[in-house]
Amino acid sequence: MLPPLQTGFADEEDRLFVMTYEGSGAEGHYWHDIFDKDGVFAGRVSIANHGTYGKSRGALFTLAREGRIYHFRENRDGFKEPVIWKMK
């Protein structure tokens, strides 16, 4: 049995992004629950797997800063590419 979460990261506003094992429907993407600085659930975002367990075919690194989520993922050709999303 696996724990309910895989990994997490925080941003400069003390929001916590927790990667769950629940697939979001997009290939290789998992839901990340977002909690505010007081630990209150604030929403969810779908981000590619950053491979905490097993082989990664998704994101290799993820960071949230200044209203954006940055991560690198491995594309089908095996090259690393940056992906940047703006949060609302």
PDB file of N, CA and C in Angstrom:
ATOM      1  N   MET A   1       0.840  -1.180   0.000  1.00  0.00           N
ATOM      2  CA  MET A   1       0.000   0.000   0.000  1.00  0.00           C
ATOM      3  C   MET A   1       0.885   1.244   0.000  1.00  0.00           C
ATOM      4  N   LEU A   2       0.503   2.221  -0.815  1.00  0.00           N
ATOM      5  CA  LEU A   2       1.261   3.460  -0.920  1.00  0.00           C
ATOM      6  C   LEU A   2       0.645   4.550  -0.050  1.00  0.00           C
ATOM      7  N   PRO A   3       1.463   5.507   0.406  1.00  0.00           N
ATOM      8  CA  PRO A   3       0.905   6.627   1.175  1.00  0.00           C
ATOM      9  C   PRO A   3       0.021   7.490   0.276  1.00  0.00           C
ATOM     10  N   PRO A   4      -0.839   8.348   0.854  1.00  0.00           N
ATOM     11  CA  PRO A   4      -1.762   9.155   0.046  1.00  0.00           C
ATOM     12  C   PRO A   4      -1.091  10.276  -0.741  1.00  0.00           C
ATOM     13  N   LEU A   5       0.182  10.511  -0.499  1.00  0.00           N
ATOM     14  CA  LEU A   5       0.874  11.565  -1.243  1.00  0.00           C
ATOM     15  C   LEU A   5       2.253  11.073  -1.657  1.00  0.00           C
ATOM     16  N   GLN A   6       2.795  11.705  -2.703  1.00  0.00           N
ATOM     17  CA  GLN A   6       4.119  11.324  -3.188  1.00  0.00           C
ATOM     18  C   GLN A   6       5.187  12.298  -2.720  1.00  0.00           C
ATOM     19  N   THR A   7       4.976  13.572  -2.984  1.00  0.00           N
ATOM     20  CA  THR A   7       5.969  14.589  -2.646  1.00  0.00           C
ATOM     21  C   THR A   7       5.288  15.949  -2.633  1.00  0.00           C
ATOM     22  N   GLY A   8       6.032  16.980  -2.363  1.00  0.00           N
ATOM     23  CA  GLY A   8       5.457  18.316  -2.368  1.00  0.00           C
ATOM     24  C   GLY A   8       6.521  19.380  -2.474  1.00  0.00           C
ATOM     25  N   PHE A   9       6.072  20.590  -2.673  1.00  0.00           N
ATOM     26  CA  PHE A   9       6.965  21.749  -2.723  1.00  0.00           C
ATOM     27  C   PHE A   9       6.149  22.957  -2.306  1.00  0.00           C
ATOM     28  N   ALA A  10       6.842  24.027  -1.947  1.00  0.00           N
ATOM     29  CA  ALA A  10       6.175  25.245  -1.493  1.00  0.00           C
ATOM     30  C   ALA A  10       6.623  26.424  -2.348  1.00  0.00           C
ATOM     31  N   ASP A  11       5.837  27.496  -2.305  1.00  0.00           N
ATOM     32  CA  ASP A  11       6.238  28.726  -2.995  1.00  0.00           C
ATOM     33  C   ASP A  11       6.542  29.809  -1.963  1.00  0.00           C
ATOM     34  N   GLU A  12       6.907  30.999  -2.432  1.00  0.00           N
ATOM     35  CA  GLU A  12       7.318  32.079  -1.533  1.00  0.00           C
ATOM     36  C   GLU A  12       6.162  32.653  -0.726  1.00  0.00           C
ATOM     37  N   GLU A  13       4.931  32.320  -1.090  1.00  0.00           N
ATOM     38  CA  GLU A  13       3.765  32.771  -0.327  1.00  0.00           C
ATOM     39  C   GLU A  13       3.316  31.699   0.664  1.00  0.00           C
ATOM     40  N   ASP A  14       4.184  30.712   0.890  1.00  0.00           N
ATOM     41  CA  ASP A  14       3.950  29.615   1.833  1.00  0.00           C
ATOM     42  C   ASP A  14       2.785  28.717   1.450  1.00  0.00           C
ATOM     43  N   ARG A  15       2.424  28.707   0.159  1.00  0.00           N
ATOM     44  CA  ARG A  15       1.456  27.713  -0.302  1.00  0.00           C
ATOM     45  C   ARG A  15       2.188  26.394  -0.460  1.00  0.00           C
ATOM     46  N   LEU A  16       1.531  25.309  -0.093  1.00  0.00           N
ATOM     47  CA  LEU A  16       2.107  23.974  -0.198  1.00  0.00           C
ATOM     48  C   LEU A  16       1.403  23.222  -1.316  1.00  0.00           C
ATOM     49  N   PHE A  17       2.167  22.648  -2.233  1.00  0.00           N
ATOM     50  CA  PHE A  17       1.656  21.861  -3.354  1.00  0.00           C
ATOM     51  C   PHE A  17       2.003  20.403  -3.068  1.00  0.00           C
ATOM     52  N   VAL A  18       1.001  19.561  -2.864  1.00  0.00           N
ATOM     53  CA  VAL A  18       1.218  18.175  -2.477  1.00  0.00           C
ATOM     54  C   VAL A  18       0.801  17.253  -3.615  1.00  0.00           C
ATOM     55  N   MET A  19       1.767  16.503  -4.169  1.00  0.00           N
ATOM     56  CA  MET A  19       1.499  15.574  -5.263  1.00  0.00           C
ATOM     57  C   MET A  19       0.837  14.316  -4.716  1.00  0.00           C
ATOM     58  N   THR A  20      -0.356  14.004  -5.231  1.00  0.00           N
ATOM     59  CA  THR A  20      -1.085  12.814  -4.815  1.00  0.00           C
ATOM     60  C   THR A  20      -0.825  11.679  -5.811  1.00  0.00           C
ATOM     61  N   TYR A  21      -1.399  10.528  -5.568  1.00  0.00           N
ATOM     62  CA  TYR A  21      -1.326   9.409  -6.511  1.00  0.00           C
ATOM     63  C   TYR A  21      -2.514   9.395  -7.454  1.00  0.00           C
ATOM     64  N   GLU A  22      -3.361  10.391  -7.381  1.00  0.00           N
ATOM     65  CA  GLU A  22      -4.572  10.442  -8.204  1.00  0.00           C
ATOM     66  C   GLU A  22      -4.263  11.069  -9.562  1.00  0.00           C
ATOM     67  N   GLY A  23      -4.374  10.270 -10.617  1.00  0.00           N
ATOM     68  CA  GLY A  23      -4.160  10.777 -11.968  1.00  0.00           C
ATOM     69  C   GLY A  23      -5.222  11.811 -12.322  1.00  0.00           C
ATOM     70  N   SER A  24      -4.814  12.831 -13.080  1.00  0.00           N
ATOM     71  CA  SER A  24      -5.747  13.915 -13.418  1.00  0.00           C
ATOM     72  C   SER A  24      -6.455  13.689 -14.749  1.00  0.00           C
ATOM     73  N   GLY A  25      -6.113  12.616 -15.437  1.00  0.00           N
ATOM     74  CA  GLY A  25      -6.737  12.347 -16.726  1.00  0.00           C
ATOM     75  C   GLY A  25      -5.798  12.602 -17.889  1.00  0.00           C
ATOM     76  N   ALA A  26      -4.877  13.542 -17.745  1.00  0.00           N
ATOM     77  CA  ALA A  26      -3.865  13.781 -18.774  1.00  0.00           C
ATOM     78  C   ALA A  26      -2.749  12.752 -18.569  1.00  0.00           C
ATOM     79  N   GLU A  27      -2.222  12.221 -19.648  1.00  0.00           N
ATOM     80  CA  GLU A  27      -1.211  11.165 -19.543  1.00  0.00           C
ATOM     81  C   GLU A  27      -0.011  11.613 -18.712  1.00  0.00           C
ATOM     82  N   GLY A  28       0.307  10.850 -17.663  1.00  0.00           N
ATOM     83  CA  GLY A  28       1.455  11.135 -16.815  1.00  0.00           C
ATOM     84  C   GLY A  28       1.291  12.289 -15.847  1.00  0.00           C
ATOM     85  N   HIS A  29       0.089  12.854 -15.761  1.00  0.00           N
ATOM     86  CA  HIS A  29      -0.163  13.987 -14.859  1.00  0.00           C
ATOM     87  C   HIS A  29      -0.899  13.515 -13.605  1.00  0.00           C
ATOM     88  N   TYR A  30      -0.565  14.150 -12.491  1.00  0.00           N
ATOM     89  CA  TYR A  30      -1.205  13.838 -11.209  1.00  0.00           C
ATOM     90  C   TYR A  30      -1.717  15.123 -10.571  1.00  0.00           C
ATOM     91  N   TRP A  31      -2.780  14.971  -9.781  1.00  0.00           N
ATOM     92  CA  TRP A  31      -3.310  16.119  -9.059  1.00  0.00           C
ATOM     93  C   TRP A  31      -2.364  16.504  -7.944  1.00  0.00           C
ATOM     94  N   HIS A  32      -2.164  17.785  -7.782  1.00  0.00           N
ATOM     95  CA  HIS A  32      -1.427  18.367  -6.670  1.00  0.00           C
ATOM     96  C   HIS A  32      -2.435  19.191  -5.873  1.00  0.00           C
ATOM     97  N   ASP A  33      -2.650  18.820  -4.619  1.00  0.00           N
ATOM     98  CA  ASP A  33      -3.522  19.603  -3.747  1.00  0.00           C
ATOM     99  C   ASP A  33      -2.743  20.820  -3.262  1.00  0.00           C
ATOM    100  N   ILE A  34      -3.399  21.967  -3.244  1.00  0.00           N
ATOM    101  CA  ILE A  34      -2.763  23.219  -2.829  1.00  0.00           C
ATOM    102  C   ILE A  34      -3.360  23.649  -1.491  1.00  0.00           C
ATOM    103  N   PHE A  35      -2.479  23.950  -0.535  1.00  0.00           N
ATOM    104  CA  PHE A  35      -2.894  24.408   0.785  1.00  0.00           C
ATOM    105  C   PHE A  35      -2.285  25.786   1.036  1.00  0.00           C
ATOM    106  N   ASP A  36      -3.063  26.668   1.668  1.00  0.00           N
ATOM    107  CA  ASP A  36      -2.529  27.995   1.971  1.00  0.00           C
ATOM    108  C   ASP A  36      -1.603  27.926   3.182  1.00  0.00           C
ATOM    109  N   LYS A  37      -1.060  29.065   3.592  1.00  0.00           N
ATOM    110  CA  LYS A  37      -0.079  29.085   4.677  1.00  0.00           C
ATOM    111  C   LYS A  37      -0.638  28.630   6.015  1.00  0.00           C
ATOM    112  N   ASP A  38      -1.985  28.608   6.148  1.00  0.00           N
ATOM    113  CA  ASP A  38      -2.613  28.128   7.368  1.00  0.00           C
ATOM    114  C   ASP A  38      -3.024  26.663   7.279  1.00  0.00           C
ATOM    115  N   GLY A  39      -2.686  26.015   6.160  1.00  0.00           N
ATOM    116  CA  GLY A  39      -3.017  24.606   5.988  1.00  0.00           C
ATOM    117  C   GLY A  39      -4.414  24.355   5.459  1.00  0.00           C
ATOM    118  N   VAL A  40      -5.097  25.395   4.997  1.00  0.00           N
ATOM    119  CA  VAL A  40      -6.451  25.264   4.472  1.00  0.00           C
ATOM    120  C   VAL A  40      -6.380  24.912   2.981  1.00  0.00           C
ATOM    121  N   PHE A  41      -7.144  23.900   2.569  1.00  0.00           N
ATOM    122  CA  PHE A  41      -7.176  23.484   1.175  1.00  0.00           C
ATOM    123  C   PHE A  41      -7.617  24.645   0.298  1.00  0.00           C
ATOM    124  N   ALA A  42      -6.840  24.940  -0.777  1.00  0.00           N
ATOM    125  CA  ALA A  42      -7.126  26.085  -1.631  1.00  0.00           C
ATOM    126  C   ALA A  42      -7.440  25.705  -3.070  1.00  0.00           C
ATOM    127  N   GLY A  43      -7.214  24.444  -3.445  1.00  0.00           N
ATOM    128  CA  GLY A  43      -7.506  24.030  -4.812  1.00  0.00           C
ATOM    129  C   GLY A  43      -6.589  22.919  -5.268  1.00  0.00           C
ATOM    130  N   ARG A  44      -6.637  22.644  -6.588  1.00  0.00           N
ATOM    131  CA  ARG A  44      -5.832  21.572  -7.175  1.00  0.00           C
ATOM    132  C   ARG A  44      -5.256  22.035  -8.502  1.00  0.00           C
ATOM    133  N   VAL A  45      -4.121  21.445  -8.873  1.00  0.00           N
ATOM    134  CA  VAL A  45      -3.518  21.702 -10.174  1.00  0.00           C
ATOM    135  C   VAL A  45      -2.970  20.378 -10.702  1.00  0.00           C
ATOM    136  N   SER A  46      -3.086  20.174 -12.001  1.00  0.00           N
ATOM    137  CA  SER A  46      -2.570  18.979 -12.657  1.00  0.00           C
ATOM    138  C   SER A  46      -1.164  19.266 -13.172  1.00  0.00           C
ATOM    139  N   ILE A  47      -0.177  18.499 -12.686  1.00  0.00           N
ATOM    140  CA  ILE A  47       1.221  18.664 -13.102  1.00  0.00           C
ATOM    141  C   ILE A  47       1.760  17.285 -13.461  1.00  0.00           C
ATOM    142  N   ALA A  48       2.653  17.245 -14.454  1.00  0.00           N
ATOM    143  CA  ALA A  48       3.248  15.975 -14.863  1.00  0.00           C
ATOM    144  C   ALA A  48       4.031  15.352 -13.707  1.00  0.00           C
ATOM    145  N   ASN A  49       4.064  14.034 -13.679  1.00  0.00           N
ATOM    146  CA  ASN A  49       4.777  13.283 -12.658  1.00  0.00           C
ATOM    147  C   ASN A  49       6.243  13.664 -12.623  1.00  0.00           C
ATOM    148  N   HIS A  50       6.772  13.955 -11.423  1.00  0.00           N
ATOM    149  CA  HIS A  50       8.202  14.221 -11.330  1.00  0.00           C
ATOM    150  C   HIS A  50       8.957  13.031 -10.772  1.00  0.00           C
ATOM    151  N   GLY A  51       8.380  11.823 -10.898  1.00  0.00           N
ATOM    152  CA  GLY A  51       9.127  10.584 -10.714  1.00  0.00           C
ATOM    153  C   GLY A  51       9.698  10.327  -9.343  1.00  0.00           C
ATOM    154  N   THR A  52       8.930  10.545  -8.281  1.00  0.00           N
ATOM    155  CA  THR A  52       9.457  10.270  -6.957  1.00  0.00           C
ATOM    156  C   THR A  52       9.576   8.778  -6.696  1.00  0.00           C
ATOM    157  N   TYR A  53       8.690   7.996  -7.280  1.00  0.00           N
ATOM    158  CA  TYR A  53       8.761   6.544  -7.187  1.00  0.00           C
ATOM    159  C   TYR A  53       8.755   5.987  -8.604  1.00  0.00           C
ATOM    160  N   GLY A  54       9.650   5.071  -8.898  1.00  0.00           N
ATOM    161  CA  GLY A  54       9.675   4.471 -10.225  1.00  0.00           C
ATOM    162  C   GLY A  54      10.322   5.379 -11.251  1.00  0.00           C
ATOM    163  N   LYS A  55      10.234   4.992 -12.508  1.00  0.00           N
ATOM    164  CA  LYS A  55      10.880   5.735 -13.596  1.00  0.00           C
ATOM    165  C   LYS A  55      10.047   6.947 -14.000  1.00  0.00           C
ATOM    166  N   SER A  56      10.704   8.072 -14.139  1.00  0.00           N
ATOM    167  CA  SER A  56      10.024   9.299 -14.528  1.00  0.00           C
ATOM    168  C   SER A  56       9.932   9.405 -16.041  1.00  0.00           C
ATOM    169  N   ARG A  57       8.760   9.724 -16.533  1.00  0.00           N
ATOM    170  CA  ARG A  57       8.572  10.127 -17.928  1.00  0.00           C
ATOM    171  C   ARG A  57       7.931  11.501 -17.944  1.00  0.00           C
ATOM    172  N   GLY A  58       7.822  12.097 -16.795  1.00  0.00           N
ATOM    173  CA  GLY A  58       7.186  13.404 -16.690  1.00  0.00           C
ATOM    174  C   GLY A  58       8.167  14.449 -16.211  1.00  0.00           C
ATOM    175  N   ALA A  59       7.729  15.281 -15.305  1.00  0.00           N
ATOM    176  CA  ALA A  59       8.564  16.384 -14.822  1.00  0.00           C
ATOM    177  C   ALA A  59       9.745  15.855 -14.015  1.00  0.00           C
ATOM    178  N   LEU A  60      10.879  16.505 -14.128  1.00  0.00           N
ATOM    179  CA  LEU A  60      12.076  16.122 -13.400  1.00  0.00           C
ATOM    180  C   LEU A  60      12.364  17.064 -12.244  1.00  0.00           C
ATOM    181  N   PHE A  61      11.691  18.211 -12.234  1.00  0.00           N
ATOM    182  CA  PHE A  61      11.918  19.243 -11.237  1.00  0.00           C
ATOM    183  C   PHE A  61      10.694  20.145 -11.242  1.00  0.00           C
ATOM    184  N   THR A  62      10.235  20.573 -10.080  1.00  0.00           N
ATOM    185  CA  THR A  62       9.098  21.485 -10.022  1.00  0.00           C
ATOM    186  C   THR A  62       9.338  22.508  -8.925  1.00  0.00           C
ATOM    187  N   LEU A  63       8.989  23.775  -9.221  1.00  0.00           N
ATOM    188  CA  LEU A  63       9.174  24.875  -8.293  1.00  0.00           C
ATOM    189  C   LEU A  63       8.068  25.891  -8.542  1.00  0.00           C
ATOM    190  N   ALA A  64       7.557  26.504  -7.488  1.00  0.00           N
ATOM    191  CA  ALA A  64       6.545  27.560  -7.629  1.00  0.00           C
ATOM    192  C   ALA A  64       7.123  28.852  -7.060  1.00  0.00           C
ATOM    193  N   ARG A  65       7.088  29.913  -7.852  1.00  0.00           N
ATOM    194  CA  ARG A  65       7.572  31.225  -7.431  1.00  0.00           C
ATOM    195  C   ARG A  65       6.819  32.315  -8.172  1.00  0.00           C
ATOM    196  N   GLU A  66       6.501  33.385  -7.468  1.00  0.00           N
ATOM    197  CA  GLU A  66       5.911  34.593  -8.035  1.00  0.00           C
ATOM    198  C   GLU A  66       4.750  34.323  -8.986  1.00  0.00           C
ATOM    199  N   GLY A  67       3.831  33.450  -8.545  1.00  0.00           N
ATOM    200  CA  GLY A  67       2.625  33.189  -9.321  1.00  0.00           C
ATOM    201  C   GLY A  67       2.807  32.283 -10.521  1.00  0.00           C
ATOM    202  N   ARG A  68       3.945  31.594 -10.587  1.00  0.00           N
ATOM    203  CA  ARG A  68       4.193  30.676 -11.699  1.00  0.00           C
ATOM    204  C   ARG A  68       4.673  29.333 -11.166  1.00  0.00           C
ATOM    205  N   ILE A  69       4.401  28.285 -11.932  1.00  0.00           N
ATOM    206  CA  ILE A  69       4.944  26.958 -11.650  1.00  0.00           C
ATOM    207  C   ILE A  69       5.939  26.650 -12.757  1.00  0.00           C
ATOM    208  N   TYR A  70       7.157  26.313 -12.356  1.00  0.00           N
ATOM    209  CA  TYR A  70       8.229  25.990 -13.300  1.00  0.00           C
ATOM    210  C   TYR A  70       8.570  24.515 -13.144  1.00  0.00           C
ATOM    211  N   HIS A  71       8.734  23.823 -14.257  1.00  0.00           N
ATOM    212  CA  HIS A  71       9.269  22.476 -14.153  1.00  0.00           C
ATOM    213  C   HIS A  71       9.909  22.047 -15.460  1.00  0.00           C
ATOM    214  N   PHE A  72      10.763  21.045 -15.348  1.00  0.00           N
ATOM    215  CA  PHE A  72      11.406  20.450 -16.515  1.00  0.00           C
ATOM    216  C   PHE A  72      10.834  19.061 -16.676  1.00  0.00           C
ATOM    217  N   ARG A  73      10.561  18.697 -17.903  1.00  0.00           N
ATOM    218  CA  ARG A  73      10.066  17.351 -18.161  1.00  0.00           C
ATOM    219  C   ARG A  73      10.866  16.744 -19.304  1.00  0.00           C
ATOM    220  N   GLU A  74      10.818  15.434 -19.360  1.00  0.00           N
ATOM    221  CA  GLU A  74      11.487  14.718 -20.427  1.00  0.00           C
ATOM    222  C   GLU A  74      10.480  14.470 -21.531  1.00  0.00           C
ATOM    223  N   ASN A  75      10.797  14.903 -22.746  1.00  0.00           N
ATOM    224  CA  ASN A  75       9.855  14.691 -23.845  1.00  0.00           C
ATOM    225  C   ASN A  75      10.044  13.283 -24.423  1.00  0.00           C
ATOM    226  N   ARG A  76       9.257  12.932 -25.413  1.00  0.00           N
ATOM    227  CA  ARG A  76       9.300  11.575 -25.983  1.00  0.00           C
ATOM    228  C   ARG A  76      10.647  11.215 -26.598  1.00  0.00           C
ATOM    229  N   ASP A  77      11.413  12.234 -26.984  1.00  0.00           N
ATOM    230  CA  ASP A  77      12.740  12.000 -27.559  1.00  0.00           C
ATOM    231  C   ASP A  77      13.832  11.893 -26.495  1.00  0.00           C
ATOM    232  N   GLY A  78      13.463  12.062 -25.229  1.00  0.00           N
ATOM    233  CA  GLY A  78      14.426  11.962 -24.140  1.00  0.00           C
ATOM    234  C   GLY A  78      15.106  13.264 -23.770  1.00  0.00           C
ATOM    235  N   PHE A  79      14.735  14.369 -24.426  1.00  0.00           N
ATOM    236  CA  PHE A  79      15.325  15.668 -24.117  1.00  0.00           C
ATOM    237  C   PHE A  79      14.560  16.347 -22.989  1.00  0.00           C
ATOM    238  N   LYS A  80      15.282  17.122 -22.159  1.00  0.00           N
ATOM    239  CA  LYS A  80      14.651  17.883 -21.081  1.00  0.00           C
ATOM    240  C   LYS A  80      14.169  19.206 -21.643  1.00  0.00           C
ATOM    241  N   GLU A  81      12.927  19.578 -21.294  1.00  0.00           N
ATOM    242  CA  GLU A  81      12.386  20.843 -21.762  1.00  0.00           C
ATOM    243  C   GLU A  81      11.693  21.565 -20.620  1.00  0.00           C
ATOM    244  N   PRO A  82      11.818  22.900 -20.559  1.00  0.00           N
ATOM    245  CA  PRO A  82      11.158  23.653 -19.496  1.00  0.00           C
ATOM    246  C   PRO A  82       9.687  23.889 -19.807  1.00  0.00           C
ATOM    247  N   VAL A  83       8.889  23.899 -18.755  1.00  0.00           N
ATOM    248  CA  VAL A  83       7.464  24.209 -18.871  1.00  0.00           C
ATOM    249  C   VAL A  83       7.153  25.230 -17.783  1.00  0.00           C
ATOM    250  N   ILE A  84       6.456  26.311 -18.134  1.00  0.00           N
ATOM    251  CA  ILE A  84       6.123  27.355 -17.167  1.00  0.00           C
ATOM    252  C   ILE A  84       4.632  27.649 -17.276  1.00  0.00           C
ATOM    253  N   TRP A  85       3.938  27.607 -16.123  1.00  0.00           N
ATOM    254  CA  TRP A  85       2.511  27.922 -16.073  1.00  0.00           C
ATOM    255  C   TRP A  85       2.306  29.117 -15.173  1.00  0.00           C
ATOM    256  N   LYS A  86       1.372  29.971 -15.534  1.00  0.00           N
ATOM    257  CA  LYS A  86       0.993  31.095 -14.698  1.00  0.00           C
ATOM    258  C   LYS A  86      -0.210  30.674 -13.862  1.00  0.00           C
ATOM    259  N   MET A  87      -0.150  30.917 -12.536  1.00  0.00           N
ATOM    260  CA  MET A  87      -1.263  30.588 -11.645  1.00  0.00           C
ATOM    261  C   MET A  87      -2.224  31.754 -11.568  1.00  0.00           C
ATOM    262  N   LYS A  88      -3.507  31.456 -11.416  1.00  0.00           N
ATOM    263  CA  LYS A  88      -4.525  32.493 -11.240  1.00  0.00           C
ATOM    264  C   LYS A  88      -4.955  32.542  -9.795  1.00  0.00           C
TER     265      LYS A  88
END
